[in-house]
């Protein structure tokens, strides 16, 4: 990540102003290890120690439009065994604590492999500028594929993907993982961080028209 190319959130005023560059460099990479070194097994329900305040907001449930999910599934299937990523836009209701994902935008220049996908600050900035230009809704979700190895979250998902999303999206973040090649059909799970315990756990995901 180039130092002159800082990341932007859905609301620039929500971004932490004192986050060090080296912390962001770590947060803005999902996985940098070789595929053979990556453990994709589901992590235990343990609290993660965050060195940077994330301003996490509670989320009780999430919904996503079927058409948007189908578009991402089509996108992920086209790339076969390669992981792909996208950002979801939508709304957050503070009273009901429900996130509604109404749009899904693939990060086309994110580099992916069989068990990894990397989003740089430059990649996010380019997409963010496009969303802002078209007056899109807030960024509320990060979605990526796990081709052939289920929608279980990995330790790296806990420590980098969902934490990065919370920083960039102003404390509201859903992480959705999809395996379009599951033997049971499409395997999909949604995760969020509990503001009190800091545990990353599953949250109800509803498909809506």
C-alpha atoms as a PDB file:
ATOM      1  CA  UNK A   1       0.000   0.000   0.000  1.00  0.00           C
ATOM      2  CA  UNK A   2       1.448   3.346  -1.010  1.00  0.00           C
ATOM      3  CA  UNK A   3       1.727   5.828   1.827  1.00  0.00           C
ATOM      4  CA  UNK A   4       0.335   8.621  -0.313  1.00  0.00           C
ATOM      5  CA  UNK A   5      -2.822   6.651  -1.032  1.00  0.00           C
ATOM      6  CA  UNK A   6      -4.747   6.463   2.268  1.00  0.00           C
ATOM      7  CA  UNK A   7      -7.986   4.469   2.575  1.00  0.00           C
ATOM      8  CA  UNK A   8     -11.341   6.173   2.582  1.00  0.00           C
ATOM      9  CA  UNK A   9     -14.479   5.123   4.434  1.00  0.00           C
ATOM     10  CA  UNK A  10     -18.096   5.521   3.510  1.00  0.00           C
ATOM     11  CA  UNK A  11     -18.037   8.621   5.686  1.00  0.00           C
ATOM     12  CA  UNK A  12     -14.667  10.289   5.902  1.00  0.00           C
ATOM     13  CA  UNK A  13     -15.530  11.912   9.222  1.00  0.00           C
ATOM     14  CA  UNK A  14     -16.056   8.429  10.679  1.00  0.00           C
ATOM     15  CA  UNK A  15     -12.515   7.346   9.901  1.00  0.00           C
ATOM     16  CA  UNK A  16     -10.093   7.154  12.855  1.00  0.00           C
ATOM     17  CA  UNK A  17      -7.831  10.170  12.533  1.00  0.00           C
ATOM     18  CA  UNK A  18      -4.864   8.808  14.476  1.00  0.00           C
ATOM     19  CA  UNK A  19      -4.526   5.326  13.010  1.00  0.00           C
ATOM     20  CA  UNK A  20      -0.882   4.642  12.215  1.00  0.00           C
ATOM     21  CA  UNK A  21       0.094   3.777   8.672  1.00  0.00           C
ATOM     22  CA  UNK A  22       1.655   0.445   9.607  1.00  0.00           C
ATOM     23  CA  UNK A  23      -1.568  -0.641  11.327  1.00  0.00           C
ATOM     24  CA  UNK A  24      -3.574   0.197   8.216  1.00  0.00           C
ATOM     25  CA  UNK A  25      -1.124  -1.728   6.066  1.00  0.00           C
ATOM     26  CA  UNK A  26      -1.829  -4.777   8.193  1.00  0.00           C
ATOM     27  CA  UNK A  27      -5.582  -4.235   8.217  1.00  0.00           C
ATOM     28  CA  UNK A  28      -5.881  -3.693   4.472  1.00  0.00           C
ATOM     29  CA  UNK A  29      -4.589  -7.155   3.568  1.00  0.00           C
ATOM     30  CA  UNK A  30      -6.817 -10.171   4.153  1.00  0.00           C
ATOM     31  CA  UNK A  31      -4.181 -12.827   3.650  1.00  0.00           C
ATOM     32  CA  UNK A  32      -0.553 -12.561   2.598  1.00  0.00           C
ATOM     33  CA  UNK A  33       0.578 -16.107   3.391  1.00  0.00           C
ATOM     34  CA  UNK A  34       0.974 -18.908   0.888  1.00  0.00           C
ATOM     35  CA  UNK A  35      -2.111 -21.028   0.318  1.00  0.00           C
ATOM     36  CA  UNK A  36      -0.461 -23.994   2.033  1.00  0.00           C
ATOM     37  CA  UNK A  37       0.055 -21.986   5.210  1.00  0.00           C
ATOM     38  CA  UNK A  38      -3.516 -20.736   5.534  1.00  0.00           C
ATOM     39  CA  UNK A  39      -5.851 -22.440   7.977  1.00  0.00           C
ATOM     40  CA  UNK A  40      -9.395 -22.113   6.653  1.00  0.00           C
ATOM     41  CA  UNK A  41     -11.024 -24.030   9.511  1.00  0.00           C
ATOM     42  CA  UNK A  42     -13.679 -22.257  11.534  1.00  0.00           C
ATOM     43  CA  UNK A  43     -12.273 -20.361  14.476  1.00  0.00           C
ATOM     44  CA  UNK A  44     -13.400 -20.775  18.051  1.00  0.00           C
ATOM     45  CA  UNK A  45     -15.621 -18.178  19.686  1.00  0.00           C
ATOM     46  CA  UNK A  46     -12.825 -16.227  21.332  1.00  0.00           C
ATOM     47  CA  UNK A  47     -12.480 -12.502  21.795  1.00  0.00           C
ATOM     48  CA  UNK A  48      -9.940 -10.755  19.585  1.00  0.00           C
ATOM     49  CA  UNK A  49      -7.663  -8.118  21.048  1.00  0.00           C
ATOM     50  CA  UNK A  50      -7.956  -4.956  18.946  1.00  0.00           C
ATOM     51  CA  UNK A  51      -5.088  -2.490  19.214  1.00  0.00           C
ATOM     52  CA  UNK A  52      -7.048   0.202  17.353  1.00  0.00           C
ATOM     53  CA  UNK A  53     -10.483   1.454  18.541  1.00  0.00           C
ATOM     54  CA  UNK A  54     -13.091   0.426  15.984  1.00  0.00           C
ATOM     55  CA  UNK A  55     -16.239   2.157  17.256  1.00  0.00           C
ATOM     56  CA  UNK A  56     -18.194  -1.060  16.746  1.00  0.00           C
ATOM     57  CA  UNK A  57     -21.978  -0.725  16.602  1.00  0.00           C
ATOM     58  CA  UNK A  58     -24.288  -3.632  17.524  1.00  0.00           C
ATOM     59  CA  UNK A  59     -25.962  -5.574  14.713  1.00  0.00           C
ATOM     60  CA  UNK A  60     -28.930  -7.858  15.417  1.00  0.00           C
ATOM     61  CA  UNK A  61     -29.716  -9.011  11.891  1.00  0.00           C
ATOM     62  CA  UNK A  62     -28.789  -8.422   8.265  1.00  0.00           C
ATOM     63  CA  UNK A  63     -30.666  -8.690   5.005  1.00  0.00           C
ATOM     64  CA  UNK A  64     -29.450  -8.751   1.421  1.00  0.00           C
ATOM     65  CA  UNK A  65     -31.337  -8.418  -1.850  1.00  0.00           C
ATOM     66  CA  UNK A  66     -31.521 -11.691  -3.743  1.00  0.00           C
ATOM     67  CA  UNK A  67     -30.601 -10.029  -7.040  1.00  0.00           C
ATOM     68  CA  UNK A  68     -27.412  -8.581  -5.540  1.00  0.00           C
ATOM     69  CA  UNK A  69     -26.401 -11.898  -3.993  1.00  0.00           C
ATOM     70  CA  UNK A  70     -27.010 -13.691  -7.288  1.00  0.00           C
ATOM     71  CA  UNK A  71     -24.797 -11.201  -9.097  1.00  0.00           C
ATOM     72  CA  UNK A  72     -21.955 -11.910  -6.667  1.00  0.00           C
ATOM     73  CA  UNK A  73     -22.502 -15.658  -7.007  1.00  0.00           C
ATOM     74  CA  UNK A  74     -22.288 -15.356 -10.779  1.00  0.00           C
ATOM     75  CA  UNK A  75     -19.134 -13.290 -10.419  1.00  0.00           C
ATOM     76  CA  UNK A  76     -17.509 -15.797  -8.058  1.00  0.00           C
ATOM     77  CA  UNK A  77     -18.427 -18.793 -10.227  1.00  0.00           C
ATOM     78  CA  UNK A  78     -16.822 -17.167 -13.267  1.00  0.00           C
ATOM     79  CA  UNK A  79     -13.515 -17.070 -11.387  1.00  0.00           C
ATOM     80  CA  UNK A  80     -13.815 -20.738 -10.382  1.00  0.00           C
ATOM     81  CA  UNK A  81     -11.273 -21.673  -7.717  1.00  0.00           C
ATOM     82  CA  UNK A  82     -10.051 -18.096  -7.220  1.00  0.00           C
ATOM     83  CA  UNK A  83     -11.324 -16.090  -4.267  1.00  0.00           C
ATOM     84  CA  UNK A  84     -13.050 -12.807  -5.105  1.00  0.00           C
ATOM     85  CA  UNK A  85     -14.306  -9.926  -2.974  1.00  0.00           C
ATOM     86  CA  UNK A  86     -16.935  -7.192  -3.069  1.00  0.00           C
ATOM     87  CA  UNK A  87     -18.278  -4.359  -0.943  1.00  0.00           C
ATOM     88  CA  UNK A  88     -21.937  -4.174  -0.005  1.00  0.00           C
ATOM     89  CA  UNK A  89     -23.794  -0.884   0.344  1.00  0.00           C
ATOM     90  CA  UNK A  90     -26.957  -0.219   2.280  1.00  0.00           C
ATOM     91  CA  UNK A  91     -28.370   1.165   5.505  1.00  0.00           C
ATOM     92  CA  UNK A  92     -28.119   0.673   9.265  1.00  0.00           C
ATOM     93  CA  UNK A  93     -31.040   1.299  11.610  1.00  0.00           C
ATOM     94  CA  UNK A  94     -29.787   2.294  15.054  1.00  0.00           C
ATOM     95  CA  UNK A  95     -33.096   1.438  16.718  1.00  0.00           C
ATOM     96  CA  UNK A  96     -33.559  -2.054  15.296  1.00  0.00           C
ATOM     97  CA  UNK A  97     -29.804  -2.602  14.786  1.00  0.00           C
ATOM     98  CA  UNK A  98     -30.568  -4.128  11.383  1.00  0.00           C
ATOM     99  CA  UNK A  99     -28.265  -3.807   8.377  1.00  0.00           C
ATOM    100  CA  UNK A 100     -29.902  -3.852   4.945  1.00  0.00           C
ATOM    101  CA  UNK A 101     -27.578  -4.618   2.034  1.00  0.00           C
ATOM    102  CA  UNK A 102     -29.094  -3.166  -1.127  1.00  0.00           C
ATOM    103  CA  UNK A 103     -26.089  -3.109  -3.462  1.00  0.00           C
ATOM    104  CA  UNK A 104     -23.027  -5.265  -4.123  1.00  0.00           C
ATOM    105  CA  UNK A 105     -19.932  -3.992  -5.952  1.00  0.00           C
ATOM    106  CA  UNK A 106     -17.058  -6.355  -6.869  1.00  0.00           C
ATOM    107  CA  UNK A 107     -13.535  -5.135  -6.198  1.00  0.00           C
ATOM    108  CA  UNK A 108     -12.237  -5.938  -9.650  1.00  0.00           C
ATOM    109  CA  UNK A 109      -8.564  -5.216  -9.005  1.00  0.00           C
ATOM    110  CA  UNK A 110      -8.355  -7.234  -5.774  1.00  0.00           C
ATOM    111  CA  UNK A 111      -5.719  -9.926  -6.234  1.00  0.00           C
ATOM    112  CA  UNK A 112      -6.983 -13.393  -5.385  1.00  0.00           C
ATOM    113  CA  UNK A 113      -5.755 -16.958  -5.250  1.00  0.00           C
ATOM    114  CA  UNK A 114      -7.141 -20.348  -4.304  1.00  0.00           C
ATOM    115  CA  UNK A 115      -7.322 -19.451  -0.625  1.00  0.00           C
ATOM    116  CA  UNK A 116      -6.711 -15.735  -0.436  1.00  0.00           C
ATOM    117  CA  UNK A 117      -7.848 -12.344  -1.671  1.00  0.00           C
ATOM    118  CA  UNK A 118      -6.158  -9.016  -1.028  1.00  0.00           C
ATOM    119  CA  UNK A 119      -7.756  -5.581  -0.949  1.00  0.00           C
ATOM    120  CA  UNK A 120      -5.320  -2.680  -0.955  1.00  0.00           C
ATOM    121  CA  UNK A 121      -5.988   0.895   0.097  1.00  0.00           C
ATOM    122  CA  UNK A 122      -5.770   1.941  -3.557  1.00  0.00           C
ATOM    123  CA  UNK A 123      -8.368  -0.641  -4.598  1.00  0.00           C
ATOM    124  CA  UNK A 124     -10.797   0.483  -1.921  1.00  0.00           C
ATOM    125  CA  UNK A 125     -10.226   4.144  -2.653  1.00  0.00           C
ATOM    126  CA  UNK A 126     -11.048   3.709  -6.345  1.00  0.00           C
ATOM    127  CA  UNK A 127     -14.298   1.894  -5.572  1.00  0.00           C
ATOM    128  CA  UNK A 128     -15.201   4.352  -2.802  1.00  0.00           C
ATOM    129  CA  UNK A 129     -14.825   7.314  -5.172  1.00  0.00           C
ATOM    130  CA  UNK A 130     -17.135   5.624  -7.670  1.00  0.00           C
ATOM    131  CA  UNK A 131     -19.782   4.953  -5.018  1.00  0.00           C
ATOM    132  CA  UNK A 132     -19.549   8.518  -3.747  1.00  0.00           C
ATOM    133  CA  UNK A 133     -19.843   9.911  -7.295  1.00  0.00           C
ATOM    134  CA  UNK A 134     -23.112   8.050  -7.838  1.00  0.00           C
ATOM    135  CA  UNK A 135     -24.410   8.963  -4.373  1.00  0.00           C
ATOM    136  CA  UNK A 136     -24.580   5.320  -3.343  1.00  0.00           C
ATOM    137  CA  UNK A 137     -25.631   4.253   0.136  1.00  0.00           C
ATOM    138  CA  UNK A 138     -23.106   3.680   2.917  1.00  0.00           C
ATOM    139  CA  UNK A 139     -20.613   0.818   2.788  1.00  0.00           C
ATOM    140  CA  UNK A 140     -21.835  -1.745   5.306  1.00  0.00           C
ATOM    141  CA  UNK A 141     -20.569  -5.166   4.205  1.00  0.00           C
ATOM    142  CA  UNK A 142     -17.500  -6.978   2.958  1.00  0.00           C
ATOM    143  CA  UNK A 143     -18.175 -10.189   1.039  1.00  0.00           C
ATOM    144  CA  UNK A 144     -15.742 -12.746  -0.287  1.00  0.00           C
ATOM    145  CA  UNK A 145     -15.826 -16.277  -1.609  1.00  0.00           C
ATOM    146  CA  UNK A 146     -14.423 -19.482  -0.153  1.00  0.00           C
ATOM    147  CA  UNK A 147     -14.550 -21.748  -3.221  1.00  0.00           C
ATOM    148  CA  UNK A 148     -14.870 -25.417  -2.226  1.00  0.00           C
ATOM    149  CA  UNK A 149     -14.111 -24.977   1.504  1.00  0.00           C
ATOM    150  CA  UNK A 150     -17.374 -23.756   3.070  1.00  0.00           C
ATOM    151  CA  UNK A 151     -18.499 -20.425   4.490  1.00  0.00           C
ATOM    152  CA  UNK A 152     -16.741 -20.942   7.827  1.00  0.00           C
ATOM    153  CA  UNK A 153     -14.651 -17.967   8.868  1.00  0.00           C
ATOM    154  CA  UNK A 154     -10.935 -18.368   9.378  1.00  0.00           C
ATOM    155  CA  UNK A 155      -8.728 -16.775  12.002  1.00  0.00           C
ATOM    156  CA  UNK A 156      -7.493 -14.393   9.330  1.00  0.00           C
ATOM    157  CA  UNK A 157     -11.086 -13.373   8.562  1.00  0.00           C
ATOM    158  CA  UNK A 158     -11.464 -12.522  12.246  1.00  0.00           C
ATOM    159  CA  UNK A 159      -8.256 -10.576  12.580  1.00  0.00           C
ATOM    160  CA  UNK A 160      -8.154  -8.700   9.280  1.00  0.00           C
ATOM    161  CA  UNK A 161     -11.280  -8.826   7.115  1.00  0.00           C
ATOM    162  CA  UNK A 162     -13.988  -7.883   9.614  1.00  0.00           C
ATOM    163  CA  UNK A 163     -11.699  -5.524  11.531  1.00  0.00           C
ATOM    164  CA  UNK A 164     -10.726  -3.698   8.334  1.00  0.00           C
ATOM    165  CA  UNK A 165     -14.394  -3.345   7.431  1.00  0.00           C
ATOM    166  CA  UNK A 166     -15.235  -1.834  10.832  1.00  0.00           C
ATOM    167  CA  UNK A 167     -12.486   0.749  10.434  1.00  0.00           C
ATOM    168  CA  UNK A 168     -13.431   1.735   6.904  1.00  0.00           C
ATOM    169  CA  UNK A 169     -17.203   1.638   7.339  1.00  0.00           C
ATOM    170  CA  UNK A 170     -17.446   3.688  10.530  1.00  0.00           C
ATOM    171  CA  UNK A 171     -18.173   0.852  12.967  1.00  0.00           C
ATOM    172  CA  UNK A 172     -20.987  -0.858  11.012  1.00  0.00           C
ATOM    173  CA  UNK A 173     -19.767  -3.976   9.254  1.00  0.00           C
ATOM    174  CA  UNK A 174     -21.140  -7.332   8.161  1.00  0.00           C
ATOM    175  CA  UNK A 175     -18.773  -9.962   6.786  1.00  0.00           C
ATOM    176  CA  UNK A 176     -20.392 -12.392   4.357  1.00  0.00           C
ATOM    177  CA  UNK A 177     -18.603 -15.531   3.178  1.00  0.00           C
ATOM    178  CA  UNK A 178     -19.925 -17.591   0.278  1.00  0.00           C
ATOM    179  CA  UNK A 179     -18.990 -21.001  -1.072  1.00  0.00           C
ATOM    180  CA  UNK A 180     -20.799 -21.334  -4.415  1.00  0.00           C
ATOM    181  CA  UNK A 181     -19.515 -24.884  -4.920  1.00  0.00           C
ATOM    182  CA  UNK A 182     -20.809 -26.546  -1.758  1.00  0.00           C
ATOM    183  CA  UNK A 183     -22.175 -30.084  -2.049  1.00  0.00           C
ATOM    184  CA  UNK A 184     -25.318 -28.815  -0.337  1.00  0.00           C
ATOM    185  CA  UNK A 185     -25.758 -25.979  -2.828  1.00  0.00           C
ATOM    186  CA  UNK A 186     -24.715 -22.419  -2.034  1.00  0.00           C
ATOM    187  CA  UNK A 187     -23.173 -22.178   1.432  1.00  0.00           C
ATOM    188  CA  UNK A 188     -23.425 -18.660   2.863  1.00  0.00           C
ATOM    189  CA  UNK A 189     -22.793 -17.210   6.321  1.00  0.00           C
ATOM    190  CA  UNK A 190     -22.796 -13.715   7.790  1.00  0.00           C
ATOM    191  CA  UNK A 191     -20.645 -12.540  10.690  1.00  0.00           C
ATOM    192  CA  UNK A 192     -20.298  -9.455  12.859  1.00  0.00           C
ATOM    193  CA  UNK A 193     -18.359  -8.333  15.927  1.00  0.00           C
ATOM    194  CA  UNK A 194     -20.042  -8.112  19.317  1.00  0.00           C
ATOM    195  CA  UNK A 195     -19.236  -4.592  20.630  1.00  0.00           C
ATOM    196  CA  UNK A 196     -18.966  -5.813  24.232  1.00  0.00           C
ATOM    197  CA  UNK A 197     -17.144  -9.131  23.979  1.00  0.00           C
ATOM    198  CA  UNK A 198     -15.291  -8.394  20.705  1.00  0.00           C
ATOM    199  CA  UNK A 199     -16.183 -11.927  19.598  1.00  0.00           C
ATOM    200  CA  UNK A 200     -16.798 -12.488  15.887  1.00  0.00           C
ATOM    201  CA  UNK A 201     -19.904 -14.618  15.541  1.00  0.00           C
ATOM    202  CA  UNK A 202     -22.653 -15.504  13.110  1.00  0.00           C
ATOM    203  CA  UNK A 203     -25.586 -13.176  12.643  1.00  0.00           C
ATOM    204  CA  UNK A 204     -28.934 -13.913  11.011  1.00  0.00           C
ATOM    205  CA  UNK A 205     -28.942 -13.207   7.278  1.00  0.00           C
ATOM    206  CA  UNK A 206     -32.235 -12.825   5.442  1.00  0.00           C
ATOM    207  CA  UNK A 207     -32.699 -12.872   1.675  1.00  0.00           C
ATOM    208  CA  UNK A 208     -35.194 -10.260   0.490  1.00  0.00           C
ATOM    209  CA  UNK A 209     -36.691  -9.348  -2.923  1.00  0.00           C
END
